[in-house]
Amino acid sequence: MDELRRECEQKTPSRRAACSIFWTLGGNQVGKAAIDGWKSIVQPALRRGAGLWPFHGRLDELSKWPGCVLCETYPQEAYSHVDVRFCPGGSKRIQKDRQKACAQVIPWAESHDVSFSDDARKTLLDGFGPAASGEDPFDALIGLLSMIEVVDGRRDEGRASSADGITWEGWILGQRSPAVAL
């Protein structure tokens, strides 16, 4: 399976390997969602002038473009950016485990000048509800907080260890490559 993974999907010291974006069958397949995302979101945004990090440049360059900048995040990577940890055996699919993880997000946010609306704070403290699908908005929030870490300059945007990685593979925002001195 490692041969199907891009460099940024390989196991790191802080997380397990990501599912390969090229995997389109069975459990843990993310390829179909990636294909749909490219067709439904990325291609239309590019036609409207969006920048695609890191393919179109570094964030400091892209931030000067009009419009939006698209980037890839990975929830498991983002957890370490904002100090979210699950207890051994914990699962983001279980509300009480998400509640424990969300309890870590509130003090992190307060210490990083990130504020939540009352409704967002209530949703956080509730662990995004009892359904297993609560993991999706939970992951989206953690991904957003990770992006804030990068945009606010507390974390480097990260980059692939080779030009080929940037040209062909892309990268996960905020992920440090062990082969690149940042």
N, C-alpha and C. Protein backbone atom coordinates (compact mmCIF):
# COMPACT_ATOMS: atom_id res chain seq x y z
N MET A 1 0.82 -1.20 0.00
CA MET A 1 0.00 0.00 0.00
C MET A 1 0.86 1.26 0.00
N ASP A 2 2.02 1.23 0.67
CA ASP A 2 2.86 2.43 0.72
C ASP A 2 3.24 2.93 -0.67
N GLU A 3 3.33 2.04 -1.64
CA GLU A 3 3.69 2.45 -2.99
C GLU A 3 2.59 3.29 -3.65
N LEU A 4 1.36 3.17 -3.15
CA LEU A 4 0.26 3.98 -3.67
C LEU A 4 0.16 5.33 -2.98
N ARG A 5 0.85 5.48 -1.87
CA ARG A 5 0.76 6.73 -1.11
C ARG A 5 1.70 7.78 -1.66
N ARG A 6 1.21 9.02 -1.66
CA ARG A 6 2.07 10.15 -1.96
C ARG A 6 3.00 10.36 -0.77
N GLU A 7 4.04 11.13 -0.96
CA GLU A 7 4.99 11.39 0.14
C GLU A 7 4.27 11.95 1.36
N CYS A 8 3.35 12.86 1.16
CA CYS A 8 2.65 13.49 2.29
C CYS A 8 1.68 12.55 2.99
N GLU A 9 1.39 11.41 2.39
CA GLU A 9 0.48 10.45 3.01
C GLU A 9 1.21 9.39 3.83
N GLN A 10 2.52 9.38 3.76
CA GLN A 10 3.31 8.39 4.51
C GLN A 10 3.18 8.64 6.01
N LYS A 11 3.42 7.60 6.78
CA LYS A 11 3.39 7.72 8.24
C LYS A 11 4.41 8.76 8.70
N THR A 12 4.05 9.52 9.73
CA THR A 12 4.96 10.51 10.31
C THR A 12 5.12 10.18 11.79
N PRO A 13 6.03 10.85 12.47
CA PRO A 13 6.18 10.61 13.91
C PRO A 13 4.92 10.93 14.72
N SER A 14 4.04 11.80 14.19
CA SER A 14 2.87 12.20 14.96
C SER A 14 1.56 11.55 14.51
N ARG A 15 1.58 10.73 13.44
CA ARG A 15 0.33 10.10 12.99
C ARG A 15 0.61 8.88 12.11
N ARG A 16 -0.43 8.08 11.99
CA ARG A 16 -0.33 6.91 11.11
C ARG A 16 -0.40 7.38 9.65
N ALA A 17 -0.12 6.47 8.74
CA ALA A 17 -0.19 6.80 7.32
C ALA A 17 -1.62 7.17 6.94
N ALA A 18 -1.74 8.09 6.01
CA ALA A 18 -3.05 8.47 5.49
C ALA A 18 -3.49 7.43 4.47
N CYS A 19 -4.78 7.38 4.24
CA CYS A 19 -5.28 6.52 3.17
C CYS A 19 -4.83 7.11 1.83
N SER A 20 -4.49 6.26 0.90
CA SER A 20 -4.03 6.73 -0.40
C SER A 20 -5.16 7.39 -1.16
N ILE A 21 -4.87 8.53 -1.74
CA ILE A 21 -5.85 9.24 -2.54
C ILE A 21 -6.21 8.45 -3.79
N PHE A 22 -5.39 7.46 -4.12
CA PHE A 22 -5.64 6.64 -5.30
C PHE A 22 -6.47 5.40 -4.98
N TRP A 23 -6.84 5.19 -3.72
CA TRP A 23 -7.62 4.03 -3.31
C TRP A 23 -9.10 4.33 -3.50
N THR A 24 -9.78 3.54 -4.33
CA THR A 24 -11.17 3.84 -4.67
C THR A 24 -12.16 2.71 -4.34
N LEU A 25 -11.70 1.66 -3.68
CA LEU A 25 -12.57 0.53 -3.38
C LEU A 25 -12.61 0.23 -1.89
N GLY A 26 -13.76 -0.24 -1.39
CA GLY A 26 -13.85 -0.74 -0.02
C GLY A 26 -13.67 0.32 1.06
N GLY A 27 -13.36 -0.19 2.27
CA GLY A 27 -13.18 0.67 3.42
C GLY A 27 -11.96 1.57 3.28
N ASN A 28 -12.02 2.71 3.90
CA ASN A 28 -10.94 3.71 3.91
C ASN A 28 -10.58 4.22 2.52
N GLN A 29 -11.48 4.09 1.59
CA GLN A 29 -11.19 4.65 0.27
C GLN A 29 -11.54 6.13 0.29
N VAL A 30 -10.62 6.92 -0.16
CA VAL A 30 -10.86 8.36 -0.24
C VAL A 30 -10.81 8.85 -1.69
N GLY A 31 -10.42 7.97 -2.57
CA GLY A 31 -10.26 8.35 -3.97
C GLY A 31 -11.52 8.87 -4.63
N LYS A 32 -12.66 8.23 -4.35
CA LYS A 32 -13.91 8.68 -4.98
C LYS A 32 -14.28 10.08 -4.49
N ALA A 33 -14.07 10.34 -3.22
CA ALA A 33 -14.35 11.69 -2.69
C ALA A 33 -13.39 12.70 -3.31
N ALA A 34 -12.12 12.29 -3.49
CA ALA A 34 -11.15 13.19 -4.11
C ALA A 34 -11.56 13.52 -5.55
N ILE A 35 -11.98 12.51 -6.28
CA ILE A 35 -12.42 12.74 -7.66
C ILE A 35 -13.60 13.70 -7.69
N ASP A 36 -14.58 13.47 -6.81
CA ASP A 36 -15.74 14.35 -6.76
C ASP A 36 -15.34 15.76 -6.36
N GLY A 37 -14.43 15.87 -5.38
CA GLY A 37 -13.96 17.19 -4.97
C GLY A 37 -13.27 17.94 -6.09
N TRP A 38 -12.46 17.23 -6.86
CA TRP A 38 -11.79 17.88 -7.99
C TRP A 38 -12.82 18.35 -9.02
N LYS A 39 -13.82 17.51 -9.32
CA LYS A 39 -14.82 17.88 -10.33
C LYS A 39 -15.77 18.97 -9.84
N SER A 40 -16.23 18.84 -8.60
CA SER A 40 -17.29 19.72 -8.09
C SER A 40 -16.79 21.02 -7.47
N ILE A 41 -15.57 20.99 -6.93
CA ILE A 41 -15.09 22.16 -6.19
C ILE A 41 -13.82 22.75 -6.81
N VAL A 42 -12.80 21.93 -6.97
CA VAL A 42 -11.50 22.45 -7.39
C VAL A 42 -11.53 22.99 -8.81
N GLN A 43 -11.99 22.20 -9.77
CA GLN A 43 -12.00 22.68 -11.16
C GLN A 43 -12.84 23.94 -11.35
N PRO A 44 -14.07 24.00 -10.81
CA PRO A 44 -14.82 25.25 -10.95
C PRO A 44 -14.13 26.44 -10.28
N ALA A 45 -13.53 26.22 -9.13
CA ALA A 45 -12.83 27.32 -8.45
C ALA A 45 -11.63 27.79 -9.26
N LEU A 46 -10.89 26.85 -9.84
CA LEU A 46 -9.74 27.23 -10.67
C LEU A 46 -10.20 28.04 -11.89
N ARG A 47 -11.32 27.65 -12.47
CA ARG A 47 -11.84 28.41 -13.62
C ARG A 47 -12.21 29.83 -13.23
N ARG A 48 -12.55 30.04 -11.95
CA ARG A 48 -12.89 31.38 -11.47
C ARG A 48 -11.66 32.13 -10.93
N GLY A 49 -10.47 31.53 -11.08
CA GLY A 49 -9.25 32.23 -10.71
C GLY A 49 -8.67 31.88 -9.35
N ALA A 50 -9.16 30.85 -8.69
CA ALA A 50 -8.61 30.46 -7.38
C ALA A 50 -7.17 29.99 -7.53
N GLY A 51 -6.41 30.14 -6.47
CA GLY A 51 -5.06 29.60 -6.41
C GLY A 51 -5.10 28.22 -5.76
N LEU A 52 -4.24 27.33 -6.20
CA LEU A 52 -4.17 25.98 -5.66
C LEU A 52 -2.80 25.76 -5.04
N TRP A 53 -2.77 25.76 -3.70
CA TRP A 53 -1.52 25.56 -2.97
C TRP A 53 -1.20 24.08 -2.95
N PRO A 54 0.04 23.67 -3.10
CA PRO A 54 1.26 24.42 -3.37
C PRO A 54 1.57 24.53 -4.86
N PHE A 55 0.66 24.04 -5.72
CA PHE A 55 0.93 23.99 -7.15
C PHE A 55 1.16 25.36 -7.76
N HIS A 56 0.46 26.37 -7.28
CA HIS A 56 0.59 27.72 -7.83
C HIS A 56 1.54 28.61 -7.05
N GLY A 57 2.13 28.09 -5.99
CA GLY A 57 3.09 28.88 -5.23
C GLY A 57 2.90 28.75 -3.74
N ARG A 58 3.73 29.48 -3.00
CA ARG A 58 3.68 29.49 -1.54
C ARG A 58 2.52 30.39 -1.09
N LEU A 59 2.07 30.18 0.13
CA LEU A 59 0.91 30.92 0.64
C LEU A 59 1.14 32.43 0.64
N ASP A 60 2.35 32.87 0.96
CA ASP A 60 2.58 34.31 0.98
C ASP A 60 2.40 34.91 -0.41
N GLU A 61 2.71 34.15 -1.46
CA GLU A 61 2.48 34.62 -2.83
C GLU A 61 0.99 34.55 -3.18
N LEU A 62 0.38 33.41 -2.87
CA LEU A 62 -1.02 33.19 -3.21
C LEU A 62 -1.97 34.11 -2.46
N SER A 63 -1.57 34.54 -1.27
CA SER A 63 -2.44 35.43 -0.49
C SER A 63 -2.61 36.79 -1.16
N LYS A 64 -1.77 37.10 -2.12
CA LYS A 64 -1.88 38.37 -2.85
C LYS A 64 -2.81 38.25 -4.05
N TRP A 65 -3.19 37.03 -4.40
CA TRP A 65 -4.12 36.83 -5.52
C TRP A 65 -5.52 37.26 -5.09
N PRO A 66 -6.32 37.72 -6.04
CA PRO A 66 -7.73 37.94 -5.71
C PRO A 66 -8.43 36.57 -5.60
N GLY A 67 -9.48 36.50 -4.86
CA GLY A 67 -10.20 35.23 -4.74
C GLY A 67 -9.64 34.33 -3.67
N CYS A 68 -9.99 33.07 -3.76
CA CYS A 68 -9.63 32.14 -2.70
C CYS A 68 -8.40 31.30 -3.05
N VAL A 69 -7.86 30.69 -2.04
CA VAL A 69 -6.74 29.75 -2.19
C VAL A 69 -7.22 28.42 -1.65
N LEU A 70 -7.09 27.38 -2.43
CA LEU A 70 -7.47 26.03 -2.02
C LEU A 70 -6.24 25.28 -1.54
N CYS A 71 -6.41 24.48 -0.51
CA CYS A 71 -5.31 23.67 0.00
C CYS A 71 -5.86 22.36 0.53
N GLU A 72 -4.99 21.41 0.72
CA GLU A 72 -5.37 20.11 1.26
C GLU A 72 -5.02 20.06 2.74
N THR A 73 -5.96 19.57 3.52
CA THR A 73 -5.69 19.30 4.93
C THR A 73 -5.97 17.82 5.18
N TYR A 74 -5.48 17.32 6.28
CA TYR A 74 -5.72 15.94 6.67
C TYR A 74 -6.04 15.96 8.16
N PRO A 75 -7.25 15.55 8.55
CA PRO A 75 -7.64 15.67 9.96
C PRO A 75 -6.63 15.09 10.94
N GLN A 76 -6.14 13.90 10.68
CA GLN A 76 -5.22 13.27 11.62
C GLN A 76 -3.94 14.12 11.77
N GLU A 77 -3.51 14.75 10.69
CA GLU A 77 -2.36 15.66 10.75
C GLU A 77 -2.74 16.91 11.54
N ALA A 78 -3.91 17.44 11.27
CA ALA A 78 -4.36 18.68 11.91
C ALA A 78 -4.50 18.53 13.43
N TYR A 79 -4.86 17.34 13.90
CA TYR A 79 -5.00 17.13 15.34
C TYR A 79 -3.75 17.58 16.08
N SER A 80 -2.59 17.19 15.58
CA SER A 80 -1.35 17.53 16.28
C SER A 80 -1.05 19.03 16.21
N HIS A 81 -1.59 19.72 15.21
CA HIS A 81 -1.35 21.17 15.08
C HIS A 81 -2.08 21.96 16.16
N VAL A 82 -3.17 21.40 16.67
CA VAL A 82 -3.99 22.13 17.65
C VAL A 82 -4.13 21.35 18.96
N ASP A 83 -3.20 20.44 19.19
CA ASP A 83 -3.11 19.70 20.46
C ASP A 83 -4.33 18.84 20.78
N VAL A 84 -4.98 18.27 19.78
CA VAL A 84 -6.10 17.37 20.01
C VAL A 84 -5.57 15.94 20.09
N ARG A 85 -5.93 15.28 21.17
CA ARG A 85 -5.53 13.88 21.36
C ARG A 85 -6.75 13.08 21.82
N PHE A 86 -6.83 11.87 21.31
CA PHE A 86 -7.86 10.95 21.78
C PHE A 86 -7.23 10.00 22.79
N CYS A 87 -8.00 9.62 23.79
CA CYS A 87 -7.53 8.64 24.77
C CYS A 87 -7.28 7.32 24.05
N PRO A 88 -6.38 6.50 24.56
CA PRO A 88 -6.16 5.19 23.94
C PRO A 88 -7.49 4.46 23.78
N GLY A 89 -7.73 3.96 22.59
CA GLY A 89 -8.99 3.27 22.30
C GLY A 89 -10.13 4.22 21.94
N GLY A 90 -9.89 5.53 22.03
CA GLY A 90 -10.92 6.52 21.70
C GLY A 90 -11.14 6.60 20.20
N SER A 91 -12.30 7.11 19.83
CA SER A 91 -12.65 7.19 18.42
C SER A 91 -13.40 8.48 18.14
N LYS A 92 -13.06 9.11 17.03
CA LYS A 92 -13.77 10.33 16.65
C LYS A 92 -15.19 10.03 16.21
N ARG A 93 -15.56 8.77 16.07
CA ARG A 93 -16.92 8.37 15.69
C ARG A 93 -17.84 8.29 16.92
N ILE A 94 -17.28 8.43 18.11
CA ILE A 94 -18.05 8.32 19.35
C ILE A 94 -18.17 9.70 20.00
N GLN A 95 -19.39 10.12 20.29
CA GLN A 95 -19.64 11.46 20.81
C GLN A 95 -18.83 11.76 22.07
N LYS A 96 -18.83 10.86 23.04
CA LYS A 96 -18.13 11.17 24.30
C LYS A 96 -16.63 11.33 24.07
N ASP A 97 -16.08 10.61 23.11
CA ASP A 97 -14.66 10.77 22.79
C ASP A 97 -14.41 12.10 22.08
N ARG A 98 -15.34 12.50 21.21
CA ARG A 98 -15.22 13.82 20.58
C ARG A 98 -15.37 14.92 21.62
N GLN A 99 -16.26 14.72 22.60
CA GLN A 99 -16.44 15.72 23.66
C GLN A 99 -15.12 15.93 24.41
N LYS A 100 -14.44 14.85 24.75
CA LYS A 100 -13.14 14.95 25.44
C LYS A 100 -12.12 15.68 24.57
N ALA A 101 -12.12 15.35 23.28
CA ALA A 101 -11.18 16.02 22.37
C ALA A 101 -11.55 17.50 22.23
N CYS A 102 -12.83 17.80 22.13
CA CYS A 102 -13.28 19.19 21.99
C CYS A 102 -12.97 20.01 23.23
N ALA A 103 -12.98 19.36 24.40
CA ALA A 103 -12.64 20.06 25.64
C ALA A 103 -11.20 20.58 25.57
N GLN A 104 -10.35 19.95 24.77
CA GLN A 104 -8.97 20.40 24.58
C GLN A 104 -8.91 21.59 23.62
N VAL A 105 -9.89 21.67 22.72
CA VAL A 105 -9.89 22.72 21.71
C VAL A 105 -10.19 24.09 22.32
N ILE A 106 -11.09 24.15 23.28
CA ILE A 106 -11.49 25.45 23.87
C ILE A 106 -10.29 26.19 24.46
N PRO A 107 -9.49 25.58 25.36
CA PRO A 107 -8.35 26.33 25.88
C PRO A 107 -7.30 26.63 24.82
N TRP A 108 -7.14 25.72 23.86
CA TRP A 108 -6.19 26.00 22.76
C TRP A 108 -6.65 27.25 22.02
N ALA A 109 -7.93 27.30 21.67
CA ALA A 109 -8.46 28.45 20.92
C ALA A 109 -8.28 29.74 21.71
N GLU A 110 -8.62 29.70 23.00
CA GLU A 110 -8.50 30.91 23.83
C GLU A 110 -7.06 31.40 23.89
N SER A 111 -6.10 30.49 23.94
CA SER A 111 -4.70 30.91 24.01
C SER A 111 -4.14 31.34 22.66
N HIS A 112 -4.91 31.14 21.60
CA HIS A 112 -4.47 31.52 20.26
C HIS A 112 -5.39 32.57 19.63
N ASP A 113 -6.15 33.27 20.47
CA ASP A 113 -7.03 34.35 20.01
C ASP A 113 -8.05 33.90 18.97
N VAL A 114 -8.53 32.68 19.10
CA VAL A 114 -9.59 32.16 18.24
C VAL A 114 -10.85 32.10 19.10
N SER A 115 -11.92 32.71 18.63
CA SER A 115 -13.16 32.69 19.40
C SER A 115 -14.25 31.97 18.61
N PHE A 116 -15.18 31.40 19.35
CA PHE A 116 -16.30 30.68 18.75
C PHE A 116 -17.59 31.41 19.09
N SER A 117 -18.55 31.35 18.19
CA SER A 117 -19.88 31.86 18.50
C SER A 117 -20.46 30.97 19.60
N ASP A 118 -21.52 31.45 20.23
CA ASP A 118 -22.16 30.64 21.28
C ASP A 118 -22.64 29.30 20.73
N ASP A 119 -23.22 29.30 19.52
CA ASP A 119 -23.69 28.05 18.93
C ASP A 119 -22.53 27.10 18.63
N ALA A 120 -21.44 27.63 18.11
CA ALA A 120 -20.28 26.77 17.81
C ALA A 120 -19.70 26.20 19.09
N ARG A 121 -19.61 27.02 20.12
CA ARG A 121 -19.08 26.55 21.40
C ARG A 121 -19.97 25.44 21.99
N LYS A 122 -21.28 25.63 21.89
CA LYS A 122 -22.23 24.62 22.38
C LYS A 122 -22.04 23.31 21.59
N THR A 123 -21.90 23.41 20.29
CA THR A 123 -21.71 22.23 19.45
C THR A 123 -20.41 21.53 19.80
N LEU A 124 -19.37 22.31 20.04
CA LEU A 124 -18.09 21.74 20.47
C LEU A 124 -18.23 20.96 21.77
N LEU A 125 -18.82 21.61 22.77
CA LEU A 125 -18.96 20.98 24.08
C LEU A 125 -19.87 19.75 24.03
N ASP A 126 -20.77 19.73 23.04
CA ASP A 126 -21.66 18.58 22.84
C ASP A 126 -20.97 17.47 22.06
N GLY A 127 -19.78 17.72 21.55
CA GLY A 127 -19.07 16.70 20.78
C GLY A 127 -19.69 16.47 19.41
N PHE A 128 -20.35 17.48 18.87
CA PHE A 128 -20.95 17.42 17.54
C PHE A 128 -22.07 16.38 17.44
N GLY A 129 -22.76 16.15 18.54
CA GLY A 129 -23.94 15.30 18.52
C GLY A 129 -23.66 13.82 18.62
N PRO A 130 -24.73 13.02 18.81
CA PRO A 130 -24.57 11.59 19.07
C PRO A 130 -24.27 10.73 17.83
N ALA A 131 -24.56 11.21 16.64
CA ALA A 131 -24.35 10.40 15.44
C ALA A 131 -22.86 10.22 15.14
N ALA A 132 -22.52 9.06 14.62
CA ALA A 132 -21.13 8.81 14.22
C ALA A 132 -20.69 9.83 13.17
N SER A 133 -21.64 10.33 12.37
CA SER A 133 -21.31 11.31 11.33
C SER A 133 -20.87 12.65 11.93
N GLY A 134 -20.97 12.82 13.25
CA GLY A 134 -20.45 14.02 13.90
C GLY A 134 -18.95 14.16 13.70
N GLU A 135 -18.30 13.08 13.30
CA GLU A 135 -16.87 13.14 13.04
C GLU A 135 -16.55 14.08 11.87
N ASP A 136 -17.47 14.21 10.91
CA ASP A 136 -17.19 15.04 9.74
C ASP A 136 -17.10 16.53 10.08
N PRO A 137 -18.10 17.11 10.77
CA PRO A 137 -17.93 18.53 11.14
C PRO A 137 -16.81 18.72 12.17
N PHE A 138 -16.58 17.73 13.02
CA PHE A 138 -15.45 17.80 13.97
C PHE A 138 -14.15 17.91 13.19
N ASP A 139 -13.94 17.02 12.22
CA ASP A 139 -12.73 17.07 11.41
C ASP A 139 -12.61 18.38 10.63
N ALA A 140 -13.74 18.88 10.12
CA ALA A 140 -13.71 20.15 9.38
C ALA A 140 -13.26 21.29 10.28
N LEU A 141 -13.76 21.31 11.51
CA LEU A 141 -13.35 22.37 12.45
C LEU A 141 -11.86 22.27 12.77
N ILE A 142 -11.39 21.08 13.06
CA ILE A 142 -9.98 20.91 13.39
C ILE A 142 -9.12 21.31 12.18
N GLY A 143 -9.55 20.95 10.98
CA GLY A 143 -8.84 21.37 9.77
C GLY A 143 -8.78 22.88 9.64
N LEU A 144 -9.90 23.55 9.95
CA LEU A 144 -9.93 25.02 9.91
C LEU A 144 -8.97 25.61 10.93
N LEU A 145 -8.97 25.07 12.15
CA LEU A 145 -8.06 25.58 13.18
C LEU A 145 -6.61 25.38 12.78
N SER A 146 -6.31 24.27 12.12
CA SER A 146 -4.96 24.02 11.62
C SER A 146 -4.58 25.07 10.57
N MET A 147 -5.54 25.39 9.69
CA MET A 147 -5.27 26.43 8.68
C MET A 147 -4.99 27.76 9.35
N ILE A 148 -5.74 28.08 10.41
CA ILE A 148 -5.52 29.33 11.14
C ILE A 148 -4.10 29.34 11.72
N GLU A 149 -3.64 28.22 12.23
CA GLU A 149 -2.26 28.12 12.75
C GLU A 149 -1.25 28.53 11.69
N VAL A 150 -1.45 28.07 10.46
CA VAL A 150 -0.53 28.38 9.37
C VAL A 150 -0.67 29.84 8.95
N VAL A 151 -1.89 30.28 8.72
CA VAL A 151 -2.12 31.65 8.24
C VAL A 151 -1.64 32.68 9.27
N ASP A 152 -1.81 32.37 10.55
CA ASP A 152 -1.35 33.29 11.60
C ASP A 152 0.16 33.20 11.83
N GLY A 153 0.84 32.30 11.14
CA GLY A 153 2.30 32.23 11.22
C GLY A 153 2.85 31.43 12.40
N ARG A 154 2.02 30.72 13.11
CA ARG A 154 2.51 29.90 14.22
C ARG A 154 3.02 28.54 13.75
N ARG A 155 2.69 28.21 12.51
CA ARG A 155 3.14 26.94 11.93
C ARG A 155 3.49 27.20 10.48
N ASP A 156 4.61 26.65 10.04
CA ASP A 156 5.01 26.78 8.65
C ASP A 156 4.01 26.04 7.77
N GLU A 157 3.82 26.52 6.55
CA GLU A 157 2.87 25.88 5.64
C GLU A 157 3.29 24.47 5.26
N GLY A 158 4.59 24.15 5.36
CA GLY A 158 5.07 22.84 4.97
C GLY A 158 5.31 22.77 3.48
N ARG A 159 6.06 21.78 3.08
CA ARG A 159 6.31 21.60 1.65
C ARG A 159 6.96 20.25 1.42
N ALA A 160 6.77 19.77 0.20
CA ALA A 160 7.34 18.48 -0.19
C ALA A 160 8.85 18.57 -0.21
N SER A 161 9.49 17.42 -0.11
CA SER A 161 10.96 17.39 -0.07
C SER A 161 11.58 17.51 -1.46
N SER A 162 10.76 17.48 -2.51
CA SER A 162 11.31 17.57 -3.86
C SER A 162 10.38 18.41 -4.74
N ALA A 163 10.95 18.91 -5.82
CA ALA A 163 10.14 19.67 -6.78
C ALA A 163 9.07 18.78 -7.40
N ASP A 164 9.38 17.50 -7.61
CA ASP A 164 8.39 16.57 -8.14
C ASP A 164 7.19 16.47 -7.21
N GLY A 165 7.44 16.49 -5.91
CA GLY A 165 6.34 16.43 -4.95
C GLY A 165 5.41 17.60 -5.09
N ILE A 166 5.96 18.77 -5.34
CA ILE A 166 5.13 19.96 -5.51
C ILE A 166 4.44 19.94 -6.87
N THR A 167 5.17 19.53 -7.90
CA THR A 167 4.63 19.53 -9.26
C THR A 167 3.52 18.50 -9.44
N TRP A 168 3.70 17.32 -8.88
CA TRP A 168 2.78 16.22 -9.16
C TRP A 168 1.92 15.79 -7.98
N GLU A 169 2.43 15.85 -6.79
CA GLU A 169 1.72 15.27 -5.65
C GLU A 169 0.99 16.27 -4.78
N GLY A 170 1.49 17.46 -4.68
CA GLY A 170 0.92 18.42 -3.74
C GLY A 170 1.41 18.13 -2.33
N TRP A 171 0.70 18.67 -1.36
CA TRP A 171 1.13 18.52 0.03
C TRP A 171 -0.03 18.79 0.95
N ILE A 172 0.09 18.37 2.19
CA ILE A 172 -0.91 18.62 3.22
C ILE A 172 -0.48 19.88 3.97
N LEU A 173 -1.37 20.87 4.03
CA LEU A 173 -1.04 22.15 4.65
C LEU A 173 -0.58 21.95 6.09
N GLY A 174 0.56 22.54 6.42
CA GLY A 174 1.08 22.51 7.78
C GLY A 174 1.90 21.28 8.12
N GLN A 175 1.97 20.33 7.20
CA GLN A 175 2.75 19.11 7.48
C GLN A 175 4.21 19.37 7.19
N ARG A 176 5.03 19.02 8.14
CA ARG A 176 6.47 19.16 7.95
C ARG A 176 7.02 17.89 7.33
N SER A 177 7.85 18.06 6.34
CA SER A 177 8.50 16.92 5.72
C SER A 177 9.80 16.64 6.47
N PRO A 178 10.04 15.40 6.88
CA PRO A 178 11.28 15.11 7.58
C PRO A 178 12.50 15.33 6.70
N ALA A 179 12.30 15.37 5.39
CA ALA A 179 13.43 15.54 4.47
C ALA A 179 13.71 16.99 4.13
N VAL A 180 12.90 17.92 4.65
CA VAL A 180 13.06 19.32 4.33
C VAL A 180 13.34 20.11 5.61
N ALA A 181 14.41 20.88 5.60
CA ALA A 181 14.69 21.75 6.76
C ALA A 181 13.81 22.99 6.63
N LEU A 182 12.98 23.22 7.65
CA LEU A 182 12.06 24.37 7.59
C LEU A 182 12.56 25.52 8.42
